Amino acid sequence: MNKKMLIGNTEALCLPELGITGLHTRVDTGAKTSSLHVDNLLCFKEDGERFVEFDLHPDVYHLEETIRCTAKLKASKNIKSSNGEVETRCVIETLLRIGGKQWLIDLTLSNRQDMTYMMLLGRQGMSDKVIVDPAGEFLLTH
C-alpha cells in the first residue's frame, strides 16, 4: 500500500527542473491549483512550440537573488485569485521534490509579491501523495 507523507502548512520543497531547492512554500488545501511567484514573464515560440521565460526568487529573504528559467508552456488558464479577481495565467509542468519523493505538478505563474510565500501548493499538486497537518510547519525538514 502506498503510504502518504505527512506535511505541514508550510514546507521547504524543491523544483529541480527550475534549479530551486529549499523553497519555503505555503500548503493550501483550499486552493485547487499551485502557483509560483515570477517576475519578467516572457512568452515566445521556438520551432512551433510555446515557451515561457521568467525570473524566480529562490529566497524570500534575499529578493535581489534571481534565477532565470525557461519552461515549455502547457496551457493558459483563467484562475480566480484569493481576492476574487479572475486572471489568465501561464501554466507549466515541472517536477516537485519533497520528503525524498518526487512527482510532476502543474504550476501557474503569477505575481505573488504581496504574499508571504513565493509558492503556494494547491490540492492538484498534492495529488494523492500527502496528508496535511494544518498545525504543523516544516515537518519534513526538521
N, C-alpha and C. Protein backbone atom coordinates (compact mmCIF):
# COMPACT_ATOMS: atom_id res chain seq x y z
N MET A 1 0.84 -1.19 0.00
CA MET A 1 0.00 0.00 0.00
C MET A 1 0.88 1.25 0.00
N ASN A 2 0.48 2.23 -0.76
CA ASN A 2 1.23 3.47 -0.88
C ASN A 2 0.96 4.36 0.33
N LYS A 3 1.99 4.61 1.13
CA LYS A 3 1.83 5.43 2.32
C LYS A 3 2.00 6.91 1.99
N LYS A 4 1.06 7.73 2.46
CA LYS A 4 1.12 9.17 2.20
C LYS A 4 2.04 9.84 3.21
N MET A 5 2.73 10.89 2.73
CA MET A 5 3.60 11.67 3.60
C MET A 5 2.77 12.65 4.41
N LEU A 6 3.15 12.88 5.65
CA LEU A 6 2.53 13.90 6.48
C LEU A 6 3.34 15.18 6.30
N ILE A 7 2.66 16.25 5.85
CA ILE A 7 3.32 17.54 5.67
C ILE A 7 2.59 18.60 6.47
N GLY A 8 3.27 19.70 6.72
CA GLY A 8 2.68 20.80 7.47
C GLY A 8 2.08 21.85 6.56
N ASN A 9 1.60 22.93 7.16
CA ASN A 9 1.00 24.01 6.37
C ASN A 9 2.05 24.84 5.64
N THR A 10 3.30 24.67 6.01
CA THR A 10 4.42 25.24 5.26
C THR A 10 5.50 24.16 5.17
N GLU A 11 6.14 24.07 4.03
CA GLU A 11 7.21 23.10 3.81
C GLU A 11 8.25 23.71 2.91
N ALA A 12 9.47 23.19 2.99
CA ALA A 12 10.54 23.56 2.06
C ALA A 12 10.59 22.48 0.99
N LEU A 13 10.40 22.89 -0.25
CA LEU A 13 10.40 21.90 -1.32
C LEU A 13 11.34 22.31 -2.44
N CYS A 14 11.55 21.38 -3.36
CA CYS A 14 12.48 21.60 -4.46
C CYS A 14 11.74 21.52 -5.78
N LEU A 15 12.16 22.36 -6.71
CA LEU A 15 11.71 22.31 -8.09
C LEU A 15 12.98 22.11 -8.92
N PRO A 16 13.48 20.87 -8.99
CA PRO A 16 14.80 20.62 -9.56
C PRO A 16 14.95 21.04 -11.02
N GLU A 17 13.89 20.93 -11.81
CA GLU A 17 13.99 21.33 -13.22
C GLU A 17 14.15 22.84 -13.38
N LEU A 18 13.78 23.59 -12.33
CA LEU A 18 13.93 25.04 -12.35
C LEU A 18 15.14 25.51 -11.54
N GLY A 19 15.88 24.56 -10.96
CA GLY A 19 17.07 24.90 -10.19
C GLY A 19 16.77 25.46 -8.82
N ILE A 20 15.61 25.11 -8.26
CA ILE A 20 15.19 25.65 -6.96
C ILE A 20 15.23 24.56 -5.90
N THR A 21 15.90 24.85 -4.78
CA THR A 21 15.93 23.92 -3.64
C THR A 21 15.52 24.67 -2.38
N GLY A 22 14.86 23.97 -1.48
CA GLY A 22 14.51 24.54 -0.18
C GLY A 22 13.60 25.75 -0.24
N LEU A 23 12.68 25.80 -1.21
CA LEU A 23 11.77 26.93 -1.35
C LEU A 23 10.65 26.83 -0.32
N HIS A 24 10.58 27.80 0.58
CA HIS A 24 9.53 27.81 1.59
C HIS A 24 8.19 28.06 0.91
N THR A 25 7.27 27.13 1.12
CA THR A 25 6.02 27.09 0.37
C THR A 25 4.83 26.97 1.31
N ARG A 26 3.77 27.71 1.02
CA ARG A 26 2.52 27.60 1.77
C ARG A 26 1.71 26.45 1.17
N VAL A 27 1.31 25.51 2.02
CA VAL A 27 0.47 24.39 1.61
C VAL A 27 -0.97 24.82 1.85
N ASP A 28 -1.79 24.79 0.79
CA ASP A 28 -3.14 25.34 0.88
C ASP A 28 -4.15 24.36 0.30
N THR A 29 -4.84 23.63 1.17
CA THR A 29 -5.85 22.67 0.72
C THR A 29 -7.10 23.37 0.19
N GLY A 30 -7.22 24.66 0.43
CA GLY A 30 -8.35 25.42 -0.09
C GLY A 30 -8.14 25.88 -1.52
N ALA A 31 -6.92 25.80 -2.00
CA ALA A 31 -6.60 26.21 -3.37
C ALA A 31 -6.53 24.98 -4.27
N LYS A 32 -7.16 25.06 -5.41
CA LYS A 32 -7.14 23.94 -6.35
C LYS A 32 -5.78 23.84 -7.04
N THR A 33 -5.28 24.97 -7.53
CA THR A 33 -4.04 24.97 -8.31
C THR A 33 -2.86 25.48 -7.48
N SER A 34 -1.69 25.08 -7.89
CA SER A 34 -0.46 25.57 -7.28
C SER A 34 0.01 26.78 -8.08
N SER A 35 0.63 27.73 -7.38
CA SER A 35 1.13 28.91 -8.08
C SER A 35 2.51 29.29 -7.58
N LEU A 36 3.26 29.93 -8.47
CA LEU A 36 4.62 30.32 -8.19
C LEU A 36 4.80 31.78 -8.59
N HIS A 37 5.40 32.56 -7.69
CA HIS A 37 5.67 33.97 -8.00
C HIS A 37 6.82 34.06 -8.99
N VAL A 38 6.58 34.79 -10.07
CA VAL A 38 7.63 35.05 -11.05
C VAL A 38 7.60 36.51 -11.44
N ASP A 39 8.72 36.99 -11.94
CA ASP A 39 8.85 38.33 -12.49
C ASP A 39 9.33 38.22 -13.93
N ASN A 40 9.12 39.29 -14.68
CA ASN A 40 9.65 39.40 -16.04
C ASN A 40 9.26 38.22 -16.92
N LEU A 41 7.98 37.89 -16.91
CA LEU A 41 7.45 36.77 -17.68
C LEU A 41 7.43 37.13 -19.16
N LEU A 42 7.97 36.24 -19.97
CA LEU A 42 8.03 36.45 -21.42
C LEU A 42 7.60 35.16 -22.10
N CYS A 43 6.60 35.26 -22.98
CA CYS A 43 6.14 34.11 -23.76
C CYS A 43 6.76 34.19 -25.15
N PHE A 44 7.18 33.03 -25.68
CA PHE A 44 7.75 33.02 -27.03
C PHE A 44 7.56 31.64 -27.66
N LYS A 45 7.72 31.61 -28.99
CA LYS A 45 7.63 30.36 -29.74
C LYS A 45 9.00 30.02 -30.29
N GLU A 46 9.28 28.72 -30.28
CA GLU A 46 10.54 28.23 -30.85
C GLU A 46 10.24 26.90 -31.52
N ASP A 47 10.54 26.79 -32.78
CA ASP A 47 10.26 25.57 -33.56
C ASP A 47 8.80 25.13 -33.41
N GLY A 48 7.88 26.11 -33.40
CA GLY A 48 6.46 25.81 -33.34
C GLY A 48 5.92 25.49 -31.96
N GLU A 49 6.78 25.46 -30.94
CA GLU A 49 6.34 25.18 -29.57
C GLU A 49 6.37 26.46 -28.75
N ARG A 50 5.43 26.55 -27.80
CA ARG A 50 5.35 27.74 -26.95
C ARG A 50 6.13 27.53 -25.65
N PHE A 51 6.87 28.57 -25.26
CA PHE A 51 7.68 28.53 -24.05
C PHE A 51 7.43 29.81 -23.24
N VAL A 52 7.83 29.76 -21.97
CA VAL A 52 7.83 30.94 -21.13
C VAL A 52 9.21 31.06 -20.50
N GLU A 53 9.63 32.29 -20.33
CA GLU A 53 10.88 32.60 -19.66
C GLU A 53 10.53 33.55 -18.53
N PHE A 54 11.16 33.36 -17.37
CA PHE A 54 10.78 34.16 -16.20
C PHE A 54 11.89 34.15 -15.17
N ASP A 55 11.81 35.11 -14.24
CA ASP A 55 12.74 35.19 -13.11
C ASP A 55 12.06 34.63 -11.87
N LEU A 56 12.82 33.83 -11.12
CA LEU A 56 12.36 33.29 -9.84
C LEU A 56 13.22 33.87 -8.72
N HIS A 57 12.62 34.00 -7.56
CA HIS A 57 13.34 34.42 -6.36
C HIS A 57 13.40 33.20 -5.43
N PRO A 58 14.53 32.52 -5.36
CA PRO A 58 14.61 31.29 -4.57
C PRO A 58 14.57 31.52 -3.06
N ASP A 59 14.82 32.74 -2.60
CA ASP A 59 14.87 33.01 -1.16
C ASP A 59 14.09 34.29 -0.87
N VAL A 60 12.98 34.15 -0.14
CA VAL A 60 12.11 35.30 0.16
C VAL A 60 12.84 36.37 0.97
N TYR A 61 13.91 35.99 1.65
CA TYR A 61 14.65 36.94 2.48
C TYR A 61 15.75 37.66 1.70
N HIS A 62 16.00 37.23 0.48
CA HIS A 62 17.01 37.85 -0.37
C HIS A 62 16.44 38.01 -1.78
N LEU A 63 15.51 38.95 -1.92
CA LEU A 63 14.81 39.12 -3.18
C LEU A 63 15.69 39.62 -4.31
N GLU A 64 16.88 40.10 -3.97
CA GLU A 64 17.80 40.53 -5.03
C GLU A 64 18.35 39.33 -5.81
N GLU A 65 18.28 38.15 -5.22
CA GLU A 65 18.74 36.94 -5.90
C GLU A 65 17.64 36.46 -6.84
N THR A 66 18.00 36.24 -8.09
CA THR A 66 17.04 35.72 -9.05
C THR A 66 17.68 34.62 -9.88
N ILE A 67 16.83 33.74 -10.37
CA ILE A 67 17.23 32.69 -11.29
C ILE A 67 16.37 32.84 -12.53
N ARG A 68 16.98 32.90 -13.71
CA ARG A 68 16.22 32.99 -14.96
C ARG A 68 15.91 31.57 -15.44
N CYS A 69 14.65 31.29 -15.67
CA CYS A 69 14.20 29.95 -16.05
C CYS A 69 13.46 29.97 -17.38
N THR A 70 13.50 28.86 -18.07
CA THR A 70 12.71 28.66 -19.28
C THR A 70 11.97 27.34 -19.14
N ALA A 71 10.70 27.32 -19.52
CA ALA A 71 9.90 26.10 -19.44
C ALA A 71 8.91 26.07 -20.60
N LYS A 72 8.52 24.88 -20.99
CA LYS A 72 7.50 24.73 -22.02
C LYS A 72 6.16 25.16 -21.44
N LEU A 73 5.42 25.96 -22.21
CA LEU A 73 4.09 26.41 -21.78
C LEU A 73 3.11 25.27 -22.01
N LYS A 74 2.47 24.82 -20.94
CA LYS A 74 1.50 23.73 -21.04
C LYS A 74 0.13 24.27 -21.45
N ALA A 75 -0.25 25.42 -20.86
CA ALA A 75 -1.58 26.00 -21.14
C ALA A 75 -1.64 27.41 -20.58
N SER A 76 -2.71 28.10 -20.92
CA SER A 76 -3.10 29.34 -20.26
C SER A 76 -4.44 29.05 -19.61
N LYS A 77 -4.60 29.54 -18.38
CA LYS A 77 -5.78 29.16 -17.60
C LYS A 77 -6.33 30.37 -16.86
N ASN A 78 -7.65 30.49 -16.82
CA ASN A 78 -8.28 31.53 -16.02
C ASN A 78 -8.35 31.04 -14.57
N ILE A 79 -7.80 31.83 -13.66
CA ILE A 79 -7.73 31.47 -12.24
C ILE A 79 -8.39 32.58 -11.43
N LYS A 80 -9.24 32.18 -10.48
CA LYS A 80 -9.81 33.15 -9.55
C LYS A 80 -8.89 33.24 -8.34
N SER A 81 -8.33 34.42 -8.12
CA SER A 81 -7.39 34.60 -7.02
C SER A 81 -8.13 34.72 -5.69
N SER A 82 -7.37 34.77 -4.61
CA SER A 82 -7.96 34.84 -3.27
C SER A 82 -8.80 36.09 -3.05
N ASN A 83 -8.54 37.14 -3.85
CA ASN A 83 -9.35 38.36 -3.70
C ASN A 83 -10.56 38.36 -4.63
N GLY A 84 -10.80 37.23 -5.32
CA GLY A 84 -11.99 37.08 -6.15
C GLY A 84 -11.84 37.52 -7.59
N GLU A 85 -10.70 38.09 -7.95
CA GLU A 85 -10.48 38.53 -9.33
C GLU A 85 -10.03 37.36 -10.19
N VAL A 86 -10.49 37.35 -11.44
CA VAL A 86 -10.09 36.31 -12.39
C VAL A 86 -8.98 36.86 -13.26
N GLU A 87 -7.90 36.08 -13.40
CA GLU A 87 -6.80 36.47 -14.27
C GLU A 87 -6.35 35.28 -15.08
N THR A 88 -5.81 35.55 -16.26
CA THR A 88 -5.26 34.50 -17.10
C THR A 88 -3.80 34.29 -16.73
N ARG A 89 -3.46 33.03 -16.44
CA ARG A 89 -2.09 32.70 -16.03
C ARG A 89 -1.51 31.64 -16.95
N CYS A 90 -0.19 31.71 -17.12
CA CYS A 90 0.53 30.66 -17.82
C CYS A 90 0.67 29.46 -16.90
N VAL A 91 0.58 28.26 -17.49
CA VAL A 91 0.72 27.02 -16.73
C VAL A 91 1.90 26.25 -17.30
N ILE A 92 2.78 25.80 -16.40
CA ILE A 92 3.89 24.93 -16.78
C ILE A 92 3.77 23.64 -15.98
N GLU A 93 4.41 22.60 -16.47
CA GLU A 93 4.51 21.34 -15.73
C GLU A 93 5.96 21.18 -15.33
N THR A 94 6.17 20.88 -14.05
CA THR A 94 7.54 20.71 -13.56
C THR A 94 7.58 19.69 -12.45
N LEU A 95 8.75 19.22 -12.15
CA LEU A 95 8.96 18.22 -11.12
C LEU A 95 8.98 18.87 -9.75
N LEU A 96 8.24 18.29 -8.81
CA LEU A 96 8.24 18.71 -7.40
C LEU A 96 8.94 17.61 -6.60
N ARG A 97 9.88 17.99 -5.73
CA ARG A 97 10.56 17.02 -4.87
C ARG A 97 10.36 17.46 -3.43
N ILE A 98 9.88 16.52 -2.62
CA ILE A 98 9.64 16.81 -1.20
C ILE A 98 9.70 15.49 -0.42
N GLY A 99 10.36 15.52 0.71
CA GLY A 99 10.42 14.34 1.57
C GLY A 99 10.96 13.09 0.90
N GLY A 100 11.92 13.25 -0.01
CA GLY A 100 12.52 12.10 -0.67
C GLY A 100 11.69 11.54 -1.81
N LYS A 101 10.56 12.14 -2.12
CA LYS A 101 9.71 11.69 -3.23
C LYS A 101 9.57 12.82 -4.23
N GLN A 102 9.20 12.46 -5.45
CA GLN A 102 9.00 13.47 -6.47
C GLN A 102 7.90 13.06 -7.42
N TRP A 103 7.24 14.07 -7.99
CA TRP A 103 6.19 13.86 -8.98
C TRP A 103 5.99 15.15 -9.76
N LEU A 104 5.36 15.03 -10.93
CA LEU A 104 5.09 16.20 -11.76
C LEU A 104 3.86 16.95 -11.25
N ILE A 105 3.94 18.28 -11.29
CA ILE A 105 2.80 19.12 -10.92
C ILE A 105 2.63 20.22 -11.97
N ASP A 106 1.41 20.73 -12.05
CA ASP A 106 1.15 21.92 -12.84
C ASP A 106 1.33 23.12 -11.93
N LEU A 107 1.99 24.15 -12.44
CA LEU A 107 2.20 25.39 -11.70
C LEU A 107 1.70 26.56 -12.53
N THR A 108 0.87 27.40 -11.94
CA THR A 108 0.52 28.65 -12.61
C THR A 108 1.56 29.68 -12.21
N LEU A 109 1.92 30.53 -13.14
CA LEU A 109 2.91 31.57 -12.90
C LEU A 109 2.18 32.87 -12.65
N SER A 110 2.45 33.49 -11.50
CA SER A 110 1.67 34.67 -11.11
C SER A 110 2.52 35.66 -10.35
N ASN A 111 1.89 36.79 -10.06
CA ASN A 111 2.53 37.81 -9.24
C ASN A 111 2.05 37.63 -7.81
N ARG A 112 2.90 37.09 -6.95
CA ARG A 112 2.59 36.88 -5.54
C ARG A 112 3.43 37.81 -4.67
N GLN A 113 3.83 38.96 -5.21
CA GLN A 113 4.76 39.84 -4.49
C GLN A 113 4.20 40.33 -3.17
N ASP A 114 2.88 40.39 -3.03
CA ASP A 114 2.30 40.83 -1.77
C ASP A 114 2.03 39.68 -0.81
N MET A 115 2.39 38.47 -1.21
CA MET A 115 2.17 37.29 -0.38
C MET A 115 3.46 36.97 0.40
N THR A 116 3.30 36.29 1.52
CA THR A 116 4.44 35.93 2.35
C THR A 116 5.31 34.87 1.69
N TYR A 117 4.70 33.96 0.94
CA TYR A 117 5.43 32.84 0.35
C TYR A 117 5.46 32.97 -1.17
N MET A 118 6.59 32.64 -1.77
CA MET A 118 6.75 32.72 -3.21
C MET A 118 5.97 31.63 -3.94
N MET A 119 5.63 30.55 -3.22
CA MET A 119 4.89 29.46 -3.85
C MET A 119 3.75 29.00 -2.96
N LEU A 120 2.67 28.60 -3.61
CA LEU A 120 1.52 28.02 -2.94
C LEU A 120 1.30 26.65 -3.56
N LEU A 121 1.25 25.62 -2.73
CA LEU A 121 1.00 24.25 -3.19
C LEU A 121 -0.48 23.94 -2.98
N GLY A 122 -1.22 23.80 -4.08
CA GLY A 122 -2.65 23.53 -4.03
C GLY A 122 -2.96 22.04 -4.09
N ARG A 123 -4.25 21.72 -4.03
CA ARG A 123 -4.70 20.32 -3.96
C ARG A 123 -4.22 19.47 -5.13
N GLN A 124 -4.30 19.99 -6.35
CA GLN A 124 -3.88 19.19 -7.50
C GLN A 124 -2.40 18.83 -7.42
N GLY A 125 -1.59 19.72 -6.90
CA GLY A 125 -0.16 19.45 -6.77
C GLY A 125 0.18 18.45 -5.68
N MET A 126 -0.74 18.33 -4.72
CA MET A 126 -0.52 17.35 -3.65
C MET A 126 -0.90 15.95 -4.10
N SER A 127 -1.74 15.90 -5.16
CA SER A 127 -2.20 14.66 -5.72
C SER A 127 -2.77 13.78 -4.59
N ASP A 128 -2.44 12.52 -4.61
CA ASP A 128 -2.87 11.62 -3.54
C ASP A 128 -1.67 11.18 -2.71
N LYS A 129 -0.67 12.05 -2.64
CA LYS A 129 0.60 11.66 -2.02
C LYS A 129 0.83 12.18 -0.61
N VAL A 130 0.01 13.13 -0.15
CA VAL A 130 0.26 13.73 1.15
C VAL A 130 -1.00 13.84 1.99
N ILE A 131 -0.78 13.97 3.29
CA ILE A 131 -1.81 14.36 4.26
C ILE A 131 -1.27 15.61 4.93
N VAL A 132 -2.11 16.62 5.08
CA VAL A 132 -1.67 17.91 5.63
C VAL A 132 -2.09 18.04 7.09
N ASP A 133 -1.12 18.32 7.95
CA ASP A 133 -1.38 18.68 9.34
C ASP A 133 -1.41 20.20 9.40
N PRO A 134 -2.59 20.80 9.55
CA PRO A 134 -2.67 22.26 9.50
C PRO A 134 -1.93 22.97 10.63
N ALA A 135 -1.63 22.26 11.70
CA ALA A 135 -0.91 22.87 12.82
C ALA A 135 0.61 22.72 12.67
N GLY A 136 1.06 21.89 11.73
CA GLY A 136 2.48 21.61 11.58
C GLY A 136 3.15 22.54 10.61
N GLU A 137 4.45 22.74 10.81
CA GLU A 137 5.28 23.52 9.89
C GLU A 137 6.59 22.79 9.68
N PHE A 138 7.01 22.70 8.44
CA PHE A 138 8.28 22.10 8.05
C PHE A 138 8.47 20.72 8.69
N LEU A 139 7.46 19.88 8.60
CA LEU A 139 7.50 18.55 9.21
C LEU A 139 8.52 17.62 8.54
N LEU A 140 8.81 17.88 7.27
CA LEU A 140 9.76 17.01 6.53
C LEU A 140 11.19 17.53 6.59
N THR A 141 11.38 18.73 7.12
CA THR A 141 12.74 19.29 7.13
C THR A 141 13.31 19.45 8.53
N HIS A 142 12.53 19.14 9.55
CA HIS A 142 13.04 19.25 10.94
C HIS A 142 12.96 17.94 11.66
